[in-house]
Protein backbone atom coordinates (compact mmCIF):
# COMPACT_ATOMS: atom_id res chain seq x y z
CA UNK A 1 -20.00 26.70 -1.52
CA UNK A 2 -22.22 27.99 1.25
CA UNK A 3 -20.63 28.79 4.57
CA UNK A 4 -21.68 26.59 7.43
CA UNK A 5 -21.85 27.83 10.96
CA UNK A 6 -19.56 25.77 13.10
CA UNK A 7 -21.34 23.50 15.52
CA UNK A 8 -19.60 22.34 18.65
CA UNK A 9 -19.20 18.73 19.67
CA UNK A 10 -20.93 19.69 22.92
CA UNK A 11 -24.00 20.92 21.01
CA UNK A 12 -24.06 17.71 18.97
CA UNK A 13 -23.81 15.57 22.11
CA UNK A 14 -26.57 17.58 23.83
CA UNK A 15 -28.86 17.00 20.85
CA UNK A 16 -28.04 13.29 20.84
CA UNK A 17 -28.73 13.04 24.58
CA UNK A 18 -32.13 14.70 24.14
CA UNK A 19 -32.86 12.46 21.15
CA UNK A 20 -31.90 9.35 23.14
CA UNK A 21 -34.46 10.28 25.81
CA UNK A 22 -37.24 10.40 23.23
CA UNK A 23 -37.16 14.04 22.10
CA UNK A 24 -38.28 13.64 18.48
CA UNK A 25 -37.49 17.25 17.55
CA UNK A 26 -33.90 16.74 18.77
CA UNK A 27 -33.64 13.53 16.74
CA UNK A 28 -35.01 15.31 13.69
CA UNK A 29 -32.52 18.17 14.15
CA UNK A 30 -29.66 15.71 14.55
CA UNK A 31 -30.67 14.06 11.26
CA UNK A 32 -31.03 17.43 9.51
CA UNK A 33 -27.56 18.50 10.64
CA UNK A 34 -26.05 15.15 9.64
CA UNK A 35 -27.51 15.53 6.16
CA UNK A 36 -26.46 19.17 5.81
CA UNK A 37 -22.90 18.74 7.04
CA UNK A 38 -22.48 15.38 5.29
CA UNK A 39 -23.44 16.95 1.96
CA UNK A 40 -21.01 19.85 2.50
CA UNK A 41 -18.17 17.54 3.58
CA UNK A 42 -18.70 15.27 0.58
CA UNK A 43 -18.57 18.29 -1.73
CA UNK A 44 -15.23 19.22 -0.17
CA UNK A 45 -13.99 15.67 -0.69
CA UNK A 46 -14.98 15.82 -4.38
CA UNK A 47 -13.19 19.16 -4.79
CA UNK A 48 -10.03 17.77 -3.18
CA UNK A 49 -10.20 14.75 -5.48
CA UNK A 50 -10.73 16.90 -8.55
CA UNK A 51 -7.64 18.95 -7.66
CA UNK A 52 -5.67 15.79 -6.82
CA UNK A 53 -5.15 16.88 -3.21
CA UNK A 54 -5.73 13.56 -1.51
CA UNK A 55 -3.59 14.36 1.52
CA UNK A 56 -3.94 15.44 5.14
CA UNK A 57 -7.59 15.80 6.03
CA UNK A 58 -8.65 13.83 2.96
CA UNK A 59 -6.68 10.75 4.03
CA UNK A 60 -8.01 11.00 7.58
CA UNK A 61 -11.56 11.29 6.21
CA UNK A 62 -11.13 8.16 4.11
CA UNK A 63 -9.92 6.33 7.24
CA UNK A 64 -12.78 7.75 9.33
CA UNK A 65 -15.36 6.58 6.78
CA UNK A 66 -14.03 3.06 6.66
CA UNK A 67 -12.36 3.55 3.30
CA UNK A 68 -15.49 4.86 1.56
CA UNK A 69 -14.30 8.45 1.37
CA UNK A 70 -17.81 9.80 1.79
CA UNK A 71 -19.66 10.93 4.87
CA UNK A 72 -23.16 9.80 5.77
CA UNK A 73 -25.96 12.16 4.80
CA UNK A 74 -28.64 10.14 6.59
CA UNK A 75 -31.53 12.12 7.98
CA UNK A 76 -32.85 9.24 10.03
CA UNK A 77 -31.33 6.73 12.37
CA UNK A 78 -30.79 6.11 16.04
CA UNK A 79 -29.29 8.95 18.10
CA UNK A 80 -25.95 7.18 18.67
CA UNK A 81 -25.38 6.46 14.96
CA UNK A 82 -26.29 10.01 13.96
CA UNK A 83 -24.09 11.40 16.73
CA UNK A 84 -21.01 9.40 15.63
CA UNK A 85 -21.61 10.26 11.98
CA UNK A 86 -22.02 13.97 12.67
CA UNK A 87 -18.94 14.04 14.91
CA UNK A 88 -16.78 12.56 12.12
CA UNK A 89 -18.17 15.02 9.61
CA UNK A 90 -17.73 18.09 11.79
CA UNK A 91 -14.20 16.99 12.68
CA UNK A 92 -13.35 16.90 8.96
CA UNK A 93 -15.06 20.26 8.35
CA UNK A 94 -12.87 21.81 11.07
CA UNK A 95 -9.57 20.71 9.48
CA UNK A 96 -7.75 23.51 7.66
CA UNK A 97 -6.73 21.04 4.96
CA UNK A 98 -10.35 19.93 4.52
CA UNK A 99 -10.70 22.58 1.81
CA UNK A 100 -8.77 23.16 -1.41
CA UNK A 101 -7.68 26.60 -0.24
CA UNK A 102 -6.55 25.22 3.13
CA UNK A 103 -4.54 22.48 1.44
CA UNK A 104 -3.01 25.02 -0.97
CA UNK A 105 -2.01 27.19 2.00
CA UNK A 106 -0.41 24.20 3.73
CA UNK A 107 1.55 23.31 0.61
CA UNK A 108 2.73 26.87 0.04
CA UNK A 109 3.88 27.10 3.67
CA UNK A 110 5.86 23.88 3.28
CA UNK A 111 7.60 25.16 0.15
CA UNK A 112 8.41 28.51 1.75
CA UNK A 113 9.87 26.75 4.79
CA UNK A 114 12.02 24.47 2.65
CA UNK A 115 13.24 27.39 0.56
CA UNK A 116 14.17 29.29 3.75
CA UNK A 117 16.28 26.31 4.80
CA UNK A 118 17.84 26.13 1.30
CA UNK A 119 16.55 22.64 0.50
CA UNK A 120 16.41 21.67 -3.16
CA UNK A 121 12.84 20.73 -4.12
CA UNK A 122 13.46 20.41 -7.86
CA UNK A 123 11.40 21.93 -10.62
CA UNK A 124 8.21 19.88 -10.20
CA UNK A 125 6.91 21.40 -6.99
CA UNK A 126 3.62 19.49 -7.10
CA UNK A 127 5.43 16.16 -7.42
CA UNK A 128 7.69 17.12 -4.53
CA UNK A 129 4.72 18.00 -2.32
CA UNK A 130 2.98 14.77 -3.28
CA UNK A 131 6.17 12.95 -2.33
CA UNK A 132 6.08 14.56 1.13
CA UNK A 133 2.66 12.96 1.61
CA UNK A 134 3.86 9.53 0.46
CA UNK A 135 4.70 6.37 2.35
CA UNK A 136 8.27 6.67 1.08
CA UNK A 137 8.75 10.03 2.80
CA UNK A 138 7.03 8.90 6.01
CA UNK A 139 9.26 5.83 6.18
CA UNK A 140 12.39 7.80 5.42
CA UNK A 141 11.75 10.51 7.99
CA UNK A 142 10.88 7.89 10.62
CA UNK A 143 14.27 6.30 9.98
CA UNK A 144 16.31 9.50 10.12
CA UNK A 145 14.16 12.32 11.45
CA UNK A 146 12.61 15.04 9.31
CA UNK A 147 15.62 17.33 9.08
CA UNK A 148 18.17 14.63 8.18
CA UNK A 149 15.73 13.01 5.77
CA UNK A 150 15.10 16.32 4.01
CA UNK A 151 18.86 16.87 3.72
CA UNK A 152 19.23 13.45 2.07
CA UNK A 153 16.38 14.21 -0.35
CA UNK A 154 17.81 17.62 -1.18
CA UNK A 155 21.28 16.14 -1.79
CA UNK A 156 19.87 13.43 -4.06
CA UNK A 157 17.95 16.02 -6.05
CA UNK A 158 21.05 18.17 -6.41
CA UNK A 159 22.78 15.09 -7.89
CA UNK A 160 20.00 14.91 -10.47
CA UNK A 161 17.43 12.59 -8.92
CA UNK A 162 13.79 13.40 -9.36
CA UNK A 163 10.87 12.41 -7.20
CA UNK A 164 9.99 9.41 -9.38
CA UNK A 165 13.55 8.09 -9.00
CA UNK A 166 13.36 8.45 -5.23
CA UNK A 167 9.97 6.75 -4.96
CA UNK A 168 11.13 3.94 -7.27
CA UNK A 169 14.21 3.44 -5.09
CA UNK A 170 11.98 3.34 -2.02
CA UNK A 171 9.65 0.79 -3.64
CA UNK A 172 12.63 -1.37 -4.65
CA UNK A 173 13.83 -1.22 -1.05
CA UNK A 174 10.40 -2.16 0.34
CA UNK A 175 9.97 -4.98 -2.19
CA UNK A 176 13.50 -6.20 -1.33
CA UNK A 177 14.58 -5.70 -4.95
CA UNK A 178 17.50 -3.61 -3.76
CA UNK A 179 20.74 -5.12 -2.53
CA UNK A 180 21.28 -2.26 -0.10
CA UNK A 181 20.71 -2.90 3.57
CA UNK A 182 18.84 0.33 4.14
CA UNK A 183 17.07 3.05 2.24
CA UNK A 184 19.81 5.59 2.87
CA UNK A 185 22.25 3.41 0.90
CA UNK A 186 19.72 3.12 -1.92
CA UNK A 187 19.35 6.87 -2.25
CA UNK A 188 23.01 7.65 -1.61
CA UNK A 189 23.92 5.26 -4.41
CA UNK A 190 21.64 6.92 -6.93
CA UNK A 191 23.38 8.68 -9.82
CA UNK A 192 21.74 10.34 -12.78
CA UNK A 193 22.31 8.82 -16.19
């Protein structure tokens, strides 16, 4: 993929201001940049999807695009619309995890940090990392804090649980199919067969 020179939000806003005052060349440049960066951002989104790395920047991009998961590539429009579109796109392009290599680096750093702290992540490292990006993990760490939550996960995995078991237990808890009063009891009560 071609490298794109970073453009500042200030430069984008200056172009939009000029375009709003009737400068047609500024409006044309704003549209050209929106198309160029939108195309590049969408390519990054497709690469993340292909590699099943729908986390971090990818999730934020889907939210930013109203659930569409694709950025506008419009070359024409009013200055305000092009400005907002280009700002969203450039924001995504600036995220480290907006590229496959950036996401891979993030994941490797997480695993190294967990290994340094002697947490058990099991044998399926990809599943474990996907779990850390799940609603189950976010809920669990909000209940107990990251460090205590990770200790609980590590302990459950040492007892033989795998990520699927933990997510299933979480889903049972959320769907009120568990008799336990809280998620900690659900996971503490898990025993391998």
